[in-house]
Amino acid sequence: MSVTSINTRNQFKGQIVAIKRGEIVSEVEIETSAGIISAVVTTSSLQRLNLRVGNAALALFKATEVMIAKLADD
């Protein structure tokens, strides 16, 4: 599955540079043109999205939440 459109305008494209994996939640760091953006996601989502250091990703902002969409490899 790939994201073709989304209603969130606040988004930064970048690359995952670090993952701090926890038992229940994990922290994902994405390097963007605006700097490093960190997001806390459930570890089950980390596994389901198959997020890895080096993946292209979007940091999506809506209100006070940060969501991540993994992009297809270039």
PDB file of N, CA and C in Angstrom:
ATOM      1  N   MET A   1       0.845  -1.170   0.000  1.00  0.00           N
ATOM      2  CA  MET A   1       0.000   0.000   0.000  1.00  0.00           C
ATOM      3  C   MET A   1       0.889   1.231   0.000  1.00  0.00           C
ATOM      4  N   SER A   2       0.479   2.244  -0.719  1.00  0.00           N
ATOM      5  CA  SER A   2       1.203   3.509  -0.700  1.00  0.00           C
ATOM      6  C   SER A   2       0.214   4.640  -0.472  1.00  0.00           C
ATOM      7  N   VAL A   3       0.702   5.737   0.083  1.00  0.00           N
ATOM      8  CA  VAL A   3      -0.141   6.897   0.340  1.00  0.00           C
ATOM      9  C   VAL A   3      -0.153   7.749  -0.922  1.00  0.00           C
ATOM     10  N   THR A   4      -1.350   7.953  -1.504  1.00  0.00           N
ATOM     11  CA  THR A   4      -1.450   8.778  -2.705  1.00  0.00           C
ATOM     12  C   THR A   4      -1.940  10.183  -2.396  1.00  0.00           C
ATOM     13  N   SER A   5      -2.710  10.316  -1.306  1.00  0.00           N
ATOM     14  CA  SER A   5      -3.140  11.644  -0.867  1.00  0.00           C
ATOM     15  C   SER A   5      -3.597  11.543   0.580  1.00  0.00           C
ATOM     16  N   ILE A   6      -3.542  12.688   1.250  1.00  0.00           N
ATOM     17  CA  ILE A   6      -3.941  12.746   2.653  1.00  0.00           C
ATOM     18  C   ILE A   6      -4.386  14.173   2.947  1.00  0.00           C
ATOM     19  N   ASN A   7      -5.304  14.336   3.895  1.00  0.00           N
ATOM     20  CA  ASN A   7      -5.841  15.669   4.163  1.00  0.00           C
ATOM     21  C   ASN A   7      -4.952  16.506   5.080  1.00  0.00           C
ATOM     22  N   THR A   8      -3.888  15.932   5.605  1.00  0.00           N
ATOM     23  CA  THR A   8      -2.989  16.666   6.489  1.00  0.00           C
ATOM     24  C   THR A   8      -2.020  17.507   5.671  1.00  0.00           C
ATOM     25  N   ARG A   9      -2.024  18.807   5.909  1.00  0.00           N
ATOM     26  CA  ARG A   9      -1.122  19.702   5.172  1.00  0.00           C
ATOM     27  C   ARG A   9       0.232  19.839   5.855  1.00  0.00           C
ATOM     28  N   ASN A  10       0.268  19.596   7.152  1.00  0.00           N
ATOM     29  CA  ASN A  10       1.509  19.743   7.908  1.00  0.00           C
ATOM     30  C   ASN A  10       2.286  18.437   7.851  1.00  0.00           C
ATOM     31  N   GLN A  11       3.207  18.355   6.908  1.00  0.00           N
ATOM     32  CA  GLN A  11       3.964  17.133   6.741  1.00  0.00           C
ATOM     33  C   GLN A  11       5.385  17.441   6.294  1.00  0.00           C
ATOM     34  N   PHE A  12       6.306  16.598   6.760  1.00  0.00           N
ATOM     35  CA  PHE A  12       7.719  16.745   6.410  1.00  0.00           C
ATOM     36  C   PHE A  12       8.233  15.406   5.917  1.00  0.00           C
ATOM     37  N   LYS A  13       8.799  15.405   4.723  1.00  0.00           N
ATOM     38  CA  LYS A  13       9.399  14.199   4.165  1.00  0.00           C
ATOM     39  C   LYS A  13      10.819  14.089   4.702  1.00  0.00           C
ATOM     40  N   GLY A  14      11.231  12.883   5.014  1.00  0.00           N
ATOM     41  CA  GLY A  14      12.580  12.682   5.505  1.00  0.00           C
ATOM     42  C   GLY A  14      12.981  11.231   5.485  1.00  0.00           C
ATOM     43  N   GLN A  15      14.010  10.946   6.262  1.00  0.00           N
ATOM     44  CA  GLN A  15      14.556   9.590   6.338  1.00  0.00           C
ATOM     45  C   GLN A  15      14.674   9.195   7.795  1.00  0.00           C
ATOM     46  N   ILE A  16      14.294   7.972   8.107  1.00  0.00           N
ATOM     47  CA  ILE A  16      14.408   7.481   9.479  1.00  0.00           C
ATOM     48  C   ILE A  16      15.889   7.314   9.808  1.00  0.00           C
ATOM     49  N   VAL A  17      16.331   7.987  10.886  1.00  0.00           N
ATOM     50  CA  VAL A  17      17.748   7.935  11.266  1.00  0.00           C
ATOM     51  C   VAL A  17      17.978   7.178  12.565  1.00  0.00           C
ATOM     52  N   ALA A  18      16.926   6.967  13.357  1.00  0.00           N
ATOM     53  CA  ALA A  18      17.085   6.227  14.611  1.00  0.00           C
ATOM     54  C   ALA A  18      15.742   5.664  15.052  1.00  0.00           C
ATOM     55  N   ILE A  19      15.803   4.499  15.672  1.00  0.00           N
ATOM     56  CA  ILE A  19      14.628   3.885  16.281  1.00  0.00           C
ATOM     57  C   ILE A  19      15.040   3.401  17.662  1.00  0.00           C
ATOM     58  N   LYS A  20      14.323   3.861  18.667  1.00  0.00           N
ATOM     59  CA  LYS A  20      14.546   3.408  20.039  1.00  0.00           C
ATOM     60  C   LYS A  20      13.362   2.522  20.396  1.00  0.00           C
ATOM     61  N   ARG A  21      13.586   1.229  20.292  1.00  0.00           N
ATOM     62  CA  ARG A  21      12.509   0.248  20.439  1.00  0.00           C
ATOM     63  C   ARG A  21      12.238  -0.067  21.900  1.00  0.00           C
ATOM     64  N   GLY A  22      10.970  -0.039  22.268  1.00  0.00           N
ATOM     65  CA  GLY A  22      10.539  -0.417  23.604  1.00  0.00           C
ATOM     66  C   GLY A  22       9.587  -1.595  23.523  1.00  0.00           C
ATOM     67  N   GLU A  23       9.222  -2.127  24.668  1.00  0.00           N
ATOM     68  CA  GLU A  23       8.319  -3.275  24.691  1.00  0.00           C
ATOM     69  C   GLU A  23       6.922  -2.900  24.192  1.00  0.00           C
ATOM     70  N   ILE A  24       6.418  -1.748  24.612  1.00  0.00           N
ATOM     71  CA  ILE A  24       5.068  -1.318  24.245  1.00  0.00           C
ATOM     72  C   ILE A  24       5.079  -0.175  23.236  1.00  0.00           C
ATOM     73  N   VAL A  25       5.921   0.843  23.471  1.00  0.00           N
ATOM     74  CA  VAL A  25       6.035   1.974  22.559  1.00  0.00           C
ATOM     75  C   VAL A  25       7.488   2.142  22.130  1.00  0.00           C
ATOM     76  N   SER A  26       7.668   2.745  20.963  1.00  0.00           N
ATOM     77  CA  SER A  26       8.998   2.989  20.418  1.00  0.00           C
ATOM     78  C   SER A  26       9.074   4.422  19.916  1.00  0.00           C
ATOM     79  N   GLU A  27      10.298   4.972  19.886  1.00  0.00           N
ATOM     80  CA  GLU A  27      10.514   6.322  19.376  1.00  0.00           C
ATOM     81  C   GLU A  27      11.208   6.232  18.020  1.00  0.00           C
ATOM     82  N   VAL A  28      10.676   6.968  17.061  1.00  0.00           N
ATOM     83  CA  VAL A  28      11.228   6.998  15.709  1.00  0.00           C
ATOM     84  C   VAL A  28      11.706   8.418  15.432  1.00  0.00           C
ATOM     85  N   GLU A  29      12.952   8.556  14.981  1.00  0.00           N
ATOM     86  CA  GLU A  29      13.501   9.871  14.631  1.00  0.00           C
ATOM     87  C   GLU A  29      13.641   9.966  13.116  1.00  0.00           C
ATOM     88  N   ILE A  30      13.076  11.053  12.558  1.00  0.00           N
ATOM     89  CA  ILE A  30      13.128  11.284  11.122  1.00  0.00           C
ATOM     90  C   ILE A  30      13.901  12.567  10.871  1.00  0.00           C
ATOM     91  N   GLU A  31      14.932  12.484  10.047  1.00  0.00           N
ATOM     92  CA  GLU A  31      15.689  13.669   9.662  1.00  0.00           C
ATOM     93  C   GLU A  31      14.986  14.313   8.471  1.00  0.00           C
ATOM     94  N   THR A  32      14.588  15.579   8.638  1.00  0.00           N
ATOM     95  CA  THR A  32      13.885  16.326   7.594  1.00  0.00           C
ATOM     96  C   THR A  32      14.645  17.616   7.294  1.00  0.00           C
ATOM     97  N   SER A  33      14.179  18.343   6.311  1.00  0.00           N
ATOM     98  CA  SER A  33      14.794  19.638   6.000  1.00  0.00           C
ATOM     99  C   SER A  33      14.616  20.620   7.145  1.00  0.00           C
ATOM    100  N   ALA A  34      13.627  20.377   8.002  1.00  0.00           N
ATOM    101  CA  ALA A  34      13.379  21.238   9.159  1.00  0.00           C
ATOM    102  C   ALA A  34      14.147  20.775  10.396  1.00  0.00           C
ATOM    103  N   GLY A  35      14.822  19.657  10.314  1.00  0.00           N
ATOM    104  CA  GLY A  35      15.554  19.092  11.449  1.00  0.00           C
ATOM    105  C   GLY A  35      15.023  17.727  11.804  1.00  0.00           C
ATOM    106  N   ILE A  36      15.450  17.213  12.951  1.00  0.00           N
ATOM    107  CA  ILE A  36      15.024  15.899  13.415  1.00  0.00           C
ATOM    108  C   ILE A  36      13.634  16.017  14.057  1.00  0.00           C
ATOM    109  N   ILE A  37      12.731  15.151  13.624  1.00  0.00           N
ATOM    110  CA  ILE A  37      11.395  15.075  14.206  1.00  0.00           C
ATOM    111  C   ILE A  37      11.263  13.704  14.849  1.00  0.00           C
ATOM    112  N   SER A  38      10.828  13.675  16.107  1.00  0.00           N
ATOM    113  CA  SER A  38      10.650  12.421  16.834  1.00  0.00           C
ATOM    114  C   SER A  38       9.170  12.131  17.003  1.00  0.00           C
ATOM    115  N   ALA A  39       8.838  10.848  16.902  1.00  0.00           N
ATOM    116  CA  ALA A  39       7.454  10.420  17.118  1.00  0.00           C
ATOM    117  C   ALA A  39       7.464   9.171  17.984  1.00  0.00           C
ATOM    118  N   VAL A  40       6.516   9.089  18.893  1.00  0.00           N
ATOM    119  CA  VAL A  40       6.334   7.891  19.693  1.00  0.00           C
ATOM    120  C   VAL A  40       5.170   7.116  19.082  1.00  0.00           C
ATOM    121  N   VAL A  41       5.439   5.869  18.724  1.00  0.00           N
ATOM    122  CA  VAL A  41       4.427   4.999  18.122  1.00  0.00           C
ATOM    123  C   VAL A  41       4.401   3.690  18.894  1.00  0.00           C
ATOM    124  N   THR A  42       3.309   2.959  18.771  1.00  0.00           N
ATOM    125  CA  THR A  42       3.290   1.652  19.415  1.00  0.00           C
ATOM    126  C   THR A  42       4.290   0.743  18.709  1.00  0.00           C
ATOM    127  N   THR A  43       4.878  -0.157  19.457  1.00  0.00           N
ATOM    128  CA  THR A  43       5.842  -1.084  18.873  1.00  0.00           C
ATOM    129  C   THR A  43       5.152  -2.004  17.874  1.00  0.00           C
ATOM    130  N   SER A  44       3.879  -2.320  18.098  1.00  0.00           N
ATOM    131  CA  SER A  44       3.152  -3.146  17.124  1.00  0.00           C
ATOM    132  C   SER A  44       2.995  -2.395  15.795  1.00  0.00           C
ATOM    133  N   SER A  45       2.797  -1.067  15.832  1.00  0.00           N
ATOM    134  CA  SER A  45       2.738  -0.286  14.591  1.00  0.00           C
ATOM    135  C   SER A  45       4.097  -0.244  13.908  1.00  0.00           C
ATOM    136  N   LEU A  46       5.149  -0.127  14.697  1.00  0.00           N
ATOM    137  CA  LEU A  46       6.509  -0.152  14.155  1.00  0.00           C
ATOM    138  C   LEU A  46       6.731  -1.438  13.369  1.00  0.00           C
ATOM    139  N   GLN A  47       6.299  -2.552  13.935  1.00  0.00           N
ATOM    140  CA  GLN A  47       6.452  -3.848  13.277  1.00  0.00           C
ATOM    141  C   GLN A  47       5.536  -3.960  12.061  1.00  0.00           C
ATOM    142  N   ARG A  48       4.275  -3.544  12.198  1.00  0.00           N
ATOM    143  CA  ARG A  48       3.312  -3.659  11.104  1.00  0.00           C
ATOM    144  C   ARG A  48       3.740  -2.833   9.892  1.00  0.00           C
ATOM    145  N   LEU A  49       4.285  -1.623  10.145  1.00  0.00           N
ATOM    146  CA  LEU A  49       4.763  -0.764   9.056  1.00  0.00           C
ATOM    147  C   LEU A  49       6.138  -1.183   8.551  1.00  0.00           C
ATOM    148  N   ASN A  50       6.781  -2.106   9.295  1.00  0.00           N
ATOM    149  CA  ASN A  50       8.125  -2.590   8.944  1.00  0.00           C
ATOM    150  C   ASN A  50       9.100  -1.416   8.809  1.00  0.00           C
ATOM    151  N   LEU A  51       9.029  -0.480   9.773  1.00  0.00           N
ATOM    152  CA  LEU A  51       9.895   0.689   9.743  1.00  0.00           C
ATOM    153  C   LEU A  51      11.315   0.301  10.113  1.00  0.00           C
ATOM    154  N   ARG A  52      12.264   0.819   9.355  1.00  0.00           N
ATOM    155  CA  ARG A  52      13.681   0.539   9.563  1.00  0.00           C
ATOM    156  C   ARG A  52      14.484   1.827   9.381  1.00  0.00           C
ATOM    157  N   VAL A  53      15.625   1.908  10.034  1.00  0.00           N
ATOM    158  CA  VAL A  53      16.544   3.027   9.809  1.00  0.00           C
ATOM    159  C   VAL A  53      16.910   3.030   8.328  1.00  0.00           C
ATOM    160  N   GLY A  54      16.858   4.207   7.722  1.00  0.00           N
ATOM    161  CA  GLY A  54      17.158   4.352   6.306  1.00  0.00           C
ATOM    162  C   GLY A  54      15.922   4.467   5.430  1.00  0.00           C
ATOM    163  N   ASN A  55      14.732   4.061   5.958  1.00  0.00           N
ATOM    164  CA  ASN A  55      13.493   4.182   5.188  1.00  0.00           C
ATOM    165  C   ASN A  55      13.125   5.643   4.962  1.00  0.00           C
ATOM    166  N   ALA A  56      12.574   5.936   3.801  1.00  0.00           N
ATOM    167  CA  ALA A  56      11.944   7.239   3.563  1.00  0.00           C
ATOM    168  C   ALA A  56      10.618   7.241   4.304  1.00  0.00           C
ATOM    169  N   ALA A  57      10.263   8.382   4.905  1.00  0.00           N
ATOM    170  CA  ALA A  57       9.027   8.459   5.689  1.00  0.00           C
ATOM    171  C   ALA A  57       8.507   9.879   5.701  1.00  0.00           C
ATOM    172  N   LEU A  58       7.236  10.013   6.065  1.00  0.00           N
ATOM    173  CA  LEU A  58       6.620  11.320   6.263  1.00  0.00           C
ATOM    174  C   LEU A  58       6.285  11.492   7.731  1.00  0.00           C
ATOM    175  N   ALA A  59       6.604  12.656   8.273  1.00  0.00           N
ATOM    176  CA  ALA A  59       6.123  13.038   9.592  1.00  0.00           C
ATOM    177  C   ALA A  59       4.880  13.884   9.336  1.00  0.00           C
ATOM    178  N   LEU A  60       3.723  13.410   9.779  1.00  0.00           N
ATOM    179  CA  LEU A  60       2.449  14.073   9.527  1.00  0.00           C
ATOM    180  C   LEU A  60       1.926  14.648  10.836  1.00  0.00           C
ATOM    181  N   PHE A  61       1.561  15.923  10.831  1.00  0.00           N
ATOM    182  CA  PHE A  61       1.096  16.609  12.035  1.00  0.00           C
ATOM    183  C   PHE A  61      -0.376  16.935  11.935  1.00  0.00           C
ATOM    184  N   LYS A  62      -1.117  16.558  12.955  1.00  0.00           N
ATOM    185  CA  LYS A  62      -2.517  16.945  13.070  1.00  0.00           C
ATOM    186  C   LYS A  62      -2.745  17.216  14.544  1.00  0.00           C
ATOM    187  N   ALA A  63      -3.086  18.425  14.871  1.00  0.00           N
ATOM    188  CA  ALA A  63      -3.233  18.849  16.278  1.00  0.00           C
ATOM    189  C   ALA A  63      -1.911  18.602  16.995  1.00  0.00           C
ATOM    190  N   THR A  64      -1.919  17.818  18.060  1.00  0.00           N
ATOM    191  CA  THR A  64      -0.686  17.576  18.825  1.00  0.00           C
ATOM    192  C   THR A  64      -0.081  16.213  18.539  1.00  0.00           C
ATOM    193  N   GLU A  65      -0.563  15.519  17.517  1.00  0.00           N
ATOM    194  CA  GLU A  65      -0.066  14.177  17.210  1.00  0.00           C
ATOM    195  C   GLU A  65       0.875  14.196  16.016  1.00  0.00           C
ATOM    196  N   VAL A  66       1.781  13.246  15.996  1.00  0.00           N
ATOM    197  CA  VAL A  66       2.657  13.028  14.843  1.00  0.00           C
ATOM    198  C   VAL A  66       2.392  11.623  14.344  1.00  0.00           C
ATOM    199  N   MET A  67       2.069  11.512  13.063  1.00  0.00           N
ATOM    200  CA  MET A  67       1.855  10.216  12.432  1.00  0.00           C
ATOM    201  C   MET A  67       2.958   9.987  11.406  1.00  0.00           C
ATOM    202  N   ILE A  68       3.268   8.741  11.138  1.00  0.00           N
ATOM    203  CA  ILE A  68       4.308   8.414  10.175  1.00  0.00           C
ATOM    204  C   ILE A  68       3.737   7.524   9.079  1.00  0.00           C
ATOM    205  N   ALA A  69       4.027   7.867   7.825  1.00  0.00           N
ATOM    206  CA  ALA A  69       3.664   7.027   6.696  1.00  0.00           C
ATOM    207  C   ALA A  69       4.949   6.609   6.006  1.00  0.00           C
ATOM    208  N   LYS A  70       5.172   5.314   5.907  1.00  0.00           N
ATOM    209  CA  LYS A  70       6.361   4.817   5.200  1.00  0.00           C
ATOM    210  C   LYS A  70       6.145   4.983   3.718  1.00  0.00           C
ATOM    211  N   LEU A  71       7.135   5.515   3.012  1.00  0.00           N
ATOM    212  CA  LEU A  71       7.047   5.722   1.576  1.00  0.00           C
ATOM    213  C   LEU A  71       7.704   4.560   0.857  1.00  0.00           C
ATOM    214  N   ALA A  72       7.266   4.310  -0.368  1.00  0.00           N
ATOM    215  CA  ALA A  72       7.864   3.262  -1.170  1.00  0.00           C
ATOM    216  C   ALA A  72       9.325   3.589  -1.433  1.00  0.00           C
ATOM    217  N   ASP A  73      10.167   2.560  -1.496  1.00  0.00           N
ATOM    218  CA  ASP A  73      11.578   2.764  -1.794  1.00  0.00           C
ATOM    219  C   ASP A  73      11.727   3.367  -3.172  1.00  0.00           C
ATOM    220  N   ASP A  74      12.659   4.303  -3.304  1.00  0.00           N
ATOM    221  CA  ASP A  74      12.891   4.967  -4.593  1.00  0.00           C
ATOM    222  C   ASP A  74      13.693   4.079  -5.508  1.00  0.00           C
TER     223      ASP A  74
END
